[in-house]
Amino acid sequence: MLETETECRRVLLVGVLMRCARWRRVPLELAGEAREKSAVTYIDRAVRCQLSAHVEGEHFGLLTDANAYGTALWLRWHGPDEAELVVLRDCPVAAPGPDGDGCRLFVGHTAHHTWEDALEEAPCAS
């Protein structure tokens, strides 16, 4: 392919939603409990909220898949002293189209689906 035939591409942030920036350390006792409830031996020491950016309300950080198919173990927290483990069913919604990405959140989440945060590729302007 000739240099002049190559197409310049760039990534546009079209309609991209910001993800929540809140992080939470996983309390040691909850990390131990999470290891007991799942098949994994390692649990991250801190998790980031997976919901779209929000100021108030609960935060949810993914720990691992749960033992039951279609469920995951999440750390849910509201304030600095309030955290608990919750097992939640996976969100079944997928992006439109035959190869649509699945949402990586849980049933009943109030934020946008994770695939709505996707980047769009478009040709560069001449």
N, C-alpha and C. Protein backbone atom coordinates (compact mmCIF):
# COMPACT_ATOMS: atom_id res chain seq x y z
N MET A 1 0.85 -1.17 0.00
CA MET A 1 0.00 0.00 0.00
C MET A 1 0.89 1.24 0.00
N LEU A 2 0.61 2.18 -0.88
CA LEU A 2 1.38 3.41 -0.95
C LEU A 2 1.10 4.30 0.24
N GLU A 3 2.07 5.12 0.59
CA GLU A 3 1.93 6.04 1.71
C GLU A 3 0.71 6.93 1.55
N THR A 4 0.44 7.39 0.31
CA THR A 4 -0.70 8.30 0.08
C THR A 4 -2.03 7.59 0.21
N GLU A 5 -2.01 6.25 0.14
CA GLU A 5 -3.26 5.51 0.25
C GLU A 5 -3.63 5.17 1.68
N THR A 6 -2.67 5.36 2.58
CA THR A 6 -2.98 5.02 3.96
C THR A 6 -3.98 6.01 4.52
N GLU A 7 -4.81 5.52 5.37
CA GLU A 7 -5.85 6.37 5.95
C GLU A 7 -5.46 6.75 7.37
N CYS A 8 -5.48 8.03 7.62
CA CYS A 8 -5.19 8.50 8.98
C CYS A 8 -6.43 8.25 9.84
N ARG A 9 -6.21 7.68 11.02
CA ARG A 9 -7.34 7.44 11.93
C ARG A 9 -7.00 8.06 13.29
N ARG A 10 -8.01 8.49 13.96
CA ARG A 10 -7.85 9.01 15.32
C ARG A 10 -9.02 8.54 16.16
N VAL A 11 -8.83 8.56 17.43
CA VAL A 11 -9.87 8.14 18.34
C VAL A 11 -10.58 9.37 18.88
N LEU A 12 -11.88 9.39 18.73
CA LEU A 12 -12.68 10.49 19.23
C LEU A 12 -13.39 10.05 20.50
N LEU A 13 -13.45 10.91 21.46
CA LEU A 13 -14.17 10.62 22.68
C LEU A 13 -15.59 11.16 22.52
N VAL A 14 -16.39 10.41 21.78
CA VAL A 14 -17.75 10.83 21.48
C VAL A 14 -18.69 10.26 22.52
N GLY A 15 -19.31 11.11 23.29
CA GLY A 15 -20.28 10.65 24.27
C GLY A 15 -19.67 9.79 25.37
N VAL A 16 -18.39 9.94 25.62
CA VAL A 16 -17.75 9.12 26.63
C VAL A 16 -18.14 9.61 28.02
N LEU A 17 -18.53 8.69 28.85
CA LEU A 17 -18.91 9.01 30.22
C LEU A 17 -17.73 8.73 31.13
N MET A 18 -17.50 9.56 32.07
CA MET A 18 -16.39 9.36 32.99
C MET A 18 -16.78 8.32 34.04
N ARG A 19 -15.82 7.47 34.38
CA ARG A 19 -16.06 6.48 35.43
C ARG A 19 -15.75 7.12 36.77
N CYS A 20 -16.43 6.65 37.81
CA CYS A 20 -16.22 7.15 39.15
C CYS A 20 -14.74 7.01 39.53
N ALA A 21 -14.21 7.99 40.20
CA ALA A 21 -12.78 7.98 40.56
C ALA A 21 -12.53 7.48 41.98
N ARG A 22 -13.57 7.04 42.68
CA ARG A 22 -13.42 6.61 44.08
C ARG A 22 -12.78 5.23 44.17
N TRP A 23 -11.79 5.12 45.05
CA TRP A 23 -11.12 3.86 45.36
C TRP A 23 -11.40 3.53 46.82
N ARG A 24 -11.31 2.25 47.14
CA ARG A 24 -11.52 1.82 48.53
C ARG A 24 -10.60 0.65 48.83
N ARG A 25 -9.89 0.73 49.94
CA ARG A 25 -9.11 -0.42 50.42
C ARG A 25 -10.08 -1.50 50.84
N VAL A 26 -9.73 -2.74 50.54
CA VAL A 26 -10.56 -3.87 50.95
C VAL A 26 -10.12 -4.25 52.36
N PRO A 27 -11.01 -4.13 53.35
CA PRO A 27 -10.64 -4.51 54.72
C PRO A 27 -10.15 -5.96 54.77
N LEU A 28 -9.14 -6.23 55.59
CA LEU A 28 -8.54 -7.56 55.65
C LEU A 28 -9.55 -8.66 55.92
N GLU A 29 -10.49 -8.42 56.84
CA GLU A 29 -11.46 -9.46 57.15
C GLU A 29 -12.38 -9.73 55.96
N LEU A 30 -12.70 -8.69 55.18
CA LEU A 30 -13.53 -8.89 53.99
C LEU A 30 -12.74 -9.57 52.87
N ALA A 31 -11.45 -9.28 52.77
CA ALA A 31 -10.62 -9.96 51.77
C ALA A 31 -10.56 -11.46 52.07
N GLY A 32 -10.41 -11.82 53.35
CA GLY A 32 -10.41 -13.23 53.74
C GLY A 32 -11.73 -13.90 53.45
N GLU A 33 -12.81 -13.21 53.75
CA GLU A 33 -14.14 -13.74 53.48
C GLU A 33 -14.36 -13.92 51.97
N ALA A 34 -13.85 -12.97 51.16
CA ALA A 34 -13.98 -13.05 49.71
C ALA A 34 -13.23 -14.26 49.16
N ARG A 35 -12.04 -14.54 49.70
CA ARG A 35 -11.29 -15.73 49.27
C ARG A 35 -12.05 -17.01 49.59
N GLU A 36 -12.73 -17.04 50.73
CA GLU A 36 -13.52 -18.21 51.12
C GLU A 36 -14.73 -18.41 50.21
N LYS A 37 -15.30 -17.32 49.71
CA LYS A 37 -16.52 -17.39 48.89
C LYS A 37 -16.24 -17.61 47.41
N SER A 38 -14.98 -17.57 47.00
CA SER A 38 -14.66 -17.72 45.59
C SER A 38 -13.55 -18.75 45.42
N ALA A 39 -13.27 -19.08 44.17
CA ALA A 39 -12.23 -20.07 43.88
C ALA A 39 -10.84 -19.43 43.78
N VAL A 40 -10.76 -18.12 43.85
CA VAL A 40 -9.46 -17.45 43.71
C VAL A 40 -8.76 -17.37 45.06
N THR A 41 -7.44 -17.32 44.99
CA THR A 41 -6.65 -17.20 46.23
C THR A 41 -6.14 -15.79 46.45
N TYR A 42 -6.28 -14.93 45.44
CA TYR A 42 -5.79 -13.57 45.55
C TYR A 42 -6.94 -12.58 45.35
N ILE A 43 -7.06 -11.64 46.24
CA ILE A 43 -8.03 -10.55 46.14
C ILE A 43 -7.25 -9.24 46.19
N ASP A 44 -7.54 -8.34 45.27
CA ASP A 44 -6.86 -7.04 45.27
C ASP A 44 -7.05 -6.34 46.61
N ARG A 45 -6.05 -5.58 47.03
CA ARG A 45 -6.11 -4.85 48.30
C ARG A 45 -6.95 -3.58 48.21
N ALA A 46 -7.19 -3.11 46.98
CA ALA A 46 -8.03 -1.91 46.77
C ALA A 46 -8.81 -2.09 45.48
N VAL A 47 -9.99 -1.50 45.43
CA VAL A 47 -10.83 -1.57 44.23
C VAL A 47 -11.32 -0.17 43.87
N ARG A 48 -11.61 0.02 42.59
CA ARG A 48 -12.16 1.28 42.10
C ARG A 48 -13.64 1.07 41.81
N CYS A 49 -14.43 2.07 42.11
CA CYS A 49 -15.86 2.01 41.80
C CYS A 49 -16.03 1.89 40.28
N GLN A 50 -16.84 0.95 39.85
CA GLN A 50 -17.03 0.68 38.43
C GLN A 50 -18.21 1.43 37.81
N LEU A 51 -18.93 2.19 38.60
CA LEU A 51 -20.06 2.95 38.09
C LEU A 51 -19.58 4.22 37.38
N SER A 52 -20.48 4.83 36.61
CA SER A 52 -20.16 6.13 36.02
C SER A 52 -19.96 7.15 37.13
N ALA A 53 -19.31 8.24 36.82
CA ALA A 53 -19.01 9.27 37.81
C ALA A 53 -20.26 9.69 38.57
N HIS A 54 -20.16 9.74 39.88
CA HIS A 54 -21.26 10.19 40.72
C HIS A 54 -20.68 10.76 42.01
N VAL A 55 -21.41 11.65 42.64
CA VAL A 55 -20.94 12.30 43.84
C VAL A 55 -21.48 11.62 45.09
N GLU A 56 -22.76 11.27 45.06
CA GLU A 56 -23.40 10.68 46.24
C GLU A 56 -23.79 9.24 45.97
N GLY A 57 -24.10 8.54 47.05
CA GLY A 57 -24.61 7.18 46.93
C GLY A 57 -23.55 6.12 47.13
N GLU A 58 -23.94 4.90 46.81
CA GLU A 58 -23.06 3.75 47.03
C GLU A 58 -22.07 3.58 45.89
N HIS A 59 -20.92 2.99 46.24
CA HIS A 59 -19.89 2.68 45.27
C HIS A 59 -19.74 1.16 45.21
N PHE A 60 -19.35 0.64 44.04
CA PHE A 60 -19.21 -0.79 43.85
C PHE A 60 -17.90 -1.10 43.15
N GLY A 61 -17.05 -1.89 43.81
CA GLY A 61 -15.79 -2.32 43.22
C GLY A 61 -15.81 -3.82 43.00
N LEU A 62 -15.46 -4.28 41.81
CA LEU A 62 -15.47 -5.69 41.47
C LEU A 62 -14.29 -6.40 42.13
N LEU A 63 -14.58 -7.49 42.85
CA LEU A 63 -13.54 -8.29 43.47
C LEU A 63 -13.19 -9.51 42.62
N THR A 64 -14.19 -10.33 42.27
CA THR A 64 -13.96 -11.55 41.49
C THR A 64 -15.29 -12.16 41.09
N ASP A 65 -15.22 -13.12 40.18
CA ASP A 65 -16.42 -13.90 39.86
C ASP A 65 -16.80 -14.71 41.08
N ALA A 66 -18.08 -14.89 41.28
CA ALA A 66 -18.55 -15.73 42.37
C ALA A 66 -18.60 -17.18 41.89
N ASN A 67 -18.82 -18.10 42.80
CA ASN A 67 -18.86 -19.52 42.43
C ASN A 67 -20.04 -19.85 41.53
N ALA A 68 -21.13 -19.12 41.61
CA ALA A 68 -22.30 -19.38 40.77
C ALA A 68 -22.13 -18.69 39.42
N TYR A 69 -22.52 -19.38 38.34
CA TYR A 69 -22.41 -18.83 36.99
C TYR A 69 -23.25 -17.55 36.88
N GLY A 70 -22.68 -16.53 36.24
CA GLY A 70 -23.41 -15.30 36.01
C GLY A 70 -23.51 -14.37 37.20
N THR A 71 -22.66 -14.59 38.20
CA THR A 71 -22.64 -13.71 39.38
C THR A 71 -21.20 -13.29 39.67
N ALA A 72 -21.07 -12.21 40.40
CA ALA A 72 -19.76 -11.72 40.79
C ALA A 72 -19.80 -11.22 42.23
N LEU A 73 -18.64 -11.19 42.83
CA LEU A 73 -18.49 -10.72 44.20
C LEU A 73 -17.99 -9.28 44.14
N TRP A 74 -18.73 -8.39 44.76
CA TRP A 74 -18.45 -6.96 44.74
C TRP A 74 -18.22 -6.45 46.15
N LEU A 75 -17.41 -5.39 46.27
CA LEU A 75 -17.30 -4.64 47.52
C LEU A 75 -18.21 -3.43 47.35
N ARG A 76 -19.16 -3.28 48.26
CA ARG A 76 -20.08 -2.13 48.24
C ARG A 76 -19.74 -1.25 49.42
N TRP A 77 -19.59 0.06 49.18
CA TRP A 77 -19.32 0.98 50.28
C TRP A 77 -20.02 2.31 50.06
N HIS A 78 -20.25 2.98 51.17
CA HIS A 78 -20.89 4.29 51.13
C HIS A 78 -19.97 5.34 51.74
N GLY A 79 -19.48 5.07 52.90
CA GLY A 79 -18.57 6.00 53.57
C GLY A 79 -17.27 5.29 53.91
N PRO A 80 -16.37 5.98 54.62
CA PRO A 80 -15.07 5.39 54.93
C PRO A 80 -15.14 4.20 55.89
N ASP A 81 -16.20 4.10 56.68
CA ASP A 81 -16.30 3.01 57.65
C ASP A 81 -17.35 1.97 57.30
N GLU A 82 -17.98 2.11 56.14
CA GLU A 82 -19.06 1.21 55.75
C GLU A 82 -18.68 0.45 54.49
N ALA A 83 -18.40 -0.85 54.62
CA ALA A 83 -18.09 -1.68 53.46
C ALA A 83 -18.62 -3.08 53.72
N GLU A 84 -19.10 -3.72 52.65
CA GLU A 84 -19.58 -5.09 52.78
C GLU A 84 -19.40 -5.82 51.46
N LEU A 85 -19.36 -7.15 51.54
CA LEU A 85 -19.32 -7.99 50.35
C LEU A 85 -20.75 -8.27 49.90
N VAL A 86 -20.97 -8.21 48.59
CA VAL A 86 -22.28 -8.55 48.05
C VAL A 86 -22.08 -9.39 46.78
N VAL A 87 -22.90 -10.41 46.63
CA VAL A 87 -22.90 -11.22 45.42
C VAL A 87 -24.04 -10.71 44.56
N LEU A 88 -23.71 -10.28 43.34
CA LEU A 88 -24.70 -9.69 42.45
C LEU A 88 -24.69 -10.40 41.10
N ARG A 89 -25.87 -10.55 40.51
CA ARG A 89 -25.97 -11.16 39.18
C ARG A 89 -25.42 -10.19 38.14
N ASP A 90 -24.77 -10.75 37.11
CA ASP A 90 -24.21 -9.96 36.02
C ASP A 90 -25.33 -9.29 35.22
N CYS A 91 -25.08 -8.06 34.77
CA CYS A 91 -26.01 -7.36 33.90
C CYS A 91 -26.06 -8.09 32.56
N PRO A 92 -27.25 -8.45 32.08
CA PRO A 92 -27.35 -9.22 30.85
C PRO A 92 -27.39 -8.38 29.57
N VAL A 93 -27.36 -7.06 29.69
CA VAL A 93 -27.52 -6.19 28.53
C VAL A 93 -26.21 -6.09 27.73
N ALA A 94 -26.35 -6.22 26.42
CA ALA A 94 -25.19 -6.09 25.52
C ALA A 94 -25.42 -4.94 24.56
N ALA A 95 -24.33 -4.43 24.02
CA ALA A 95 -24.40 -3.34 23.04
C ALA A 95 -25.12 -3.83 21.79
N PRO A 96 -25.75 -2.93 21.07
CA PRO A 96 -26.43 -3.32 19.84
C PRO A 96 -25.45 -3.93 18.83
N GLY A 97 -25.95 -4.78 17.98
CA GLY A 97 -25.14 -5.39 16.94
C GLY A 97 -24.77 -6.82 17.28
N PRO A 98 -24.34 -7.57 16.27
CA PRO A 98 -24.04 -9.00 16.48
C PRO A 98 -22.83 -9.25 17.37
N ASP A 99 -21.89 -8.34 17.41
CA ASP A 99 -20.69 -8.51 18.23
C ASP A 99 -20.67 -7.56 19.40
N GLY A 100 -21.84 -7.18 19.91
CA GLY A 100 -21.92 -6.18 20.96
C GLY A 100 -21.26 -6.62 22.26
N ASP A 101 -20.48 -5.74 22.84
CA ASP A 101 -19.85 -6.00 24.14
C ASP A 101 -20.92 -6.10 25.21
N GLY A 102 -20.72 -6.97 26.16
CA GLY A 102 -21.62 -7.08 27.29
C GLY A 102 -21.30 -6.05 28.34
N CYS A 103 -22.28 -5.67 29.11
CA CYS A 103 -22.08 -4.76 30.23
C CYS A 103 -21.32 -5.51 31.32
N ARG A 104 -20.35 -4.88 31.93
CA ARG A 104 -19.55 -5.53 32.97
C ARG A 104 -20.00 -5.13 34.37
N LEU A 105 -21.23 -4.64 34.48
CA LEU A 105 -21.76 -4.29 35.79
C LEU A 105 -22.73 -5.37 36.25
N PHE A 106 -23.67 -5.03 37.10
CA PHE A 106 -24.58 -5.99 37.71
C PHE A 106 -26.03 -5.60 37.45
N VAL A 107 -26.92 -6.57 37.60
CA VAL A 107 -28.35 -6.33 37.41
C VAL A 107 -28.80 -5.23 38.38
N GLY A 108 -29.52 -4.26 37.85
CA GLY A 108 -30.07 -3.20 38.69
C GLY A 108 -29.16 -2.00 38.88
N HIS A 109 -27.99 -1.96 38.21
CA HIS A 109 -27.13 -0.78 38.38
C HIS A 109 -27.85 0.43 37.82
N THR A 110 -27.56 1.59 38.38
CA THR A 110 -28.25 2.81 37.96
C THR A 110 -27.42 3.65 37.00
N ALA A 111 -26.18 3.27 36.80
CA ALA A 111 -25.30 4.01 35.89
C ALA A 111 -25.50 3.50 34.47
N HIS A 112 -24.83 4.13 33.52
CA HIS A 112 -24.85 3.69 32.14
C HIS A 112 -24.17 2.32 32.04
N HIS A 113 -24.50 1.58 31.00
CA HIS A 113 -23.83 0.31 30.75
C HIS A 113 -22.38 0.60 30.35
N THR A 114 -21.48 -0.31 30.68
CA THR A 114 -20.06 -0.05 30.43
C THR A 114 -19.74 0.10 28.95
N TRP A 115 -20.47 -0.56 28.08
CA TRP A 115 -20.20 -0.43 26.66
C TRP A 115 -20.59 0.94 26.12
N GLU A 116 -21.37 1.69 26.86
CA GLU A 116 -21.73 3.05 26.44
C GLU A 116 -20.56 4.01 26.63
N ASP A 117 -19.53 3.57 27.33
CA ASP A 117 -18.34 4.38 27.55
C ASP A 117 -17.30 4.14 26.45
N ALA A 118 -17.66 3.42 25.39
CA ALA A 118 -16.71 3.01 24.35
C ALA A 118 -16.18 4.20 23.57
N LEU A 119 -14.99 4.01 23.05
CA LEU A 119 -14.38 5.02 22.19
C LEU A 119 -14.82 4.78 20.75
N GLU A 120 -14.94 5.82 19.97
CA GLU A 120 -15.33 5.70 18.58
C GLU A 120 -14.15 6.10 17.70
N GLU A 121 -13.89 5.29 16.66
CA GLU A 121 -12.78 5.59 15.74
C GLU A 121 -13.34 6.24 14.49
N ALA A 122 -12.68 7.32 14.03
CA ALA A 122 -13.15 8.05 12.86
C ALA A 122 -11.95 8.52 12.05
N PRO A 123 -12.12 8.74 10.73
CA PRO A 123 -11.01 9.22 9.93
C PRO A 123 -10.61 10.64 10.31
N CYS A 124 -9.33 10.95 10.12
CA CYS A 124 -8.83 12.30 10.39
C CYS A 124 -9.33 13.27 9.34
N ALA A 125 -9.50 14.50 9.73
CA ALA A 125 -9.88 15.54 8.77
C ALA A 125 -8.68 15.90 7.93
N SER A 126 -8.89 16.22 6.67
CA SER A 126 -7.79 16.56 5.76
C SER A 126 -7.32 17.97 5.98
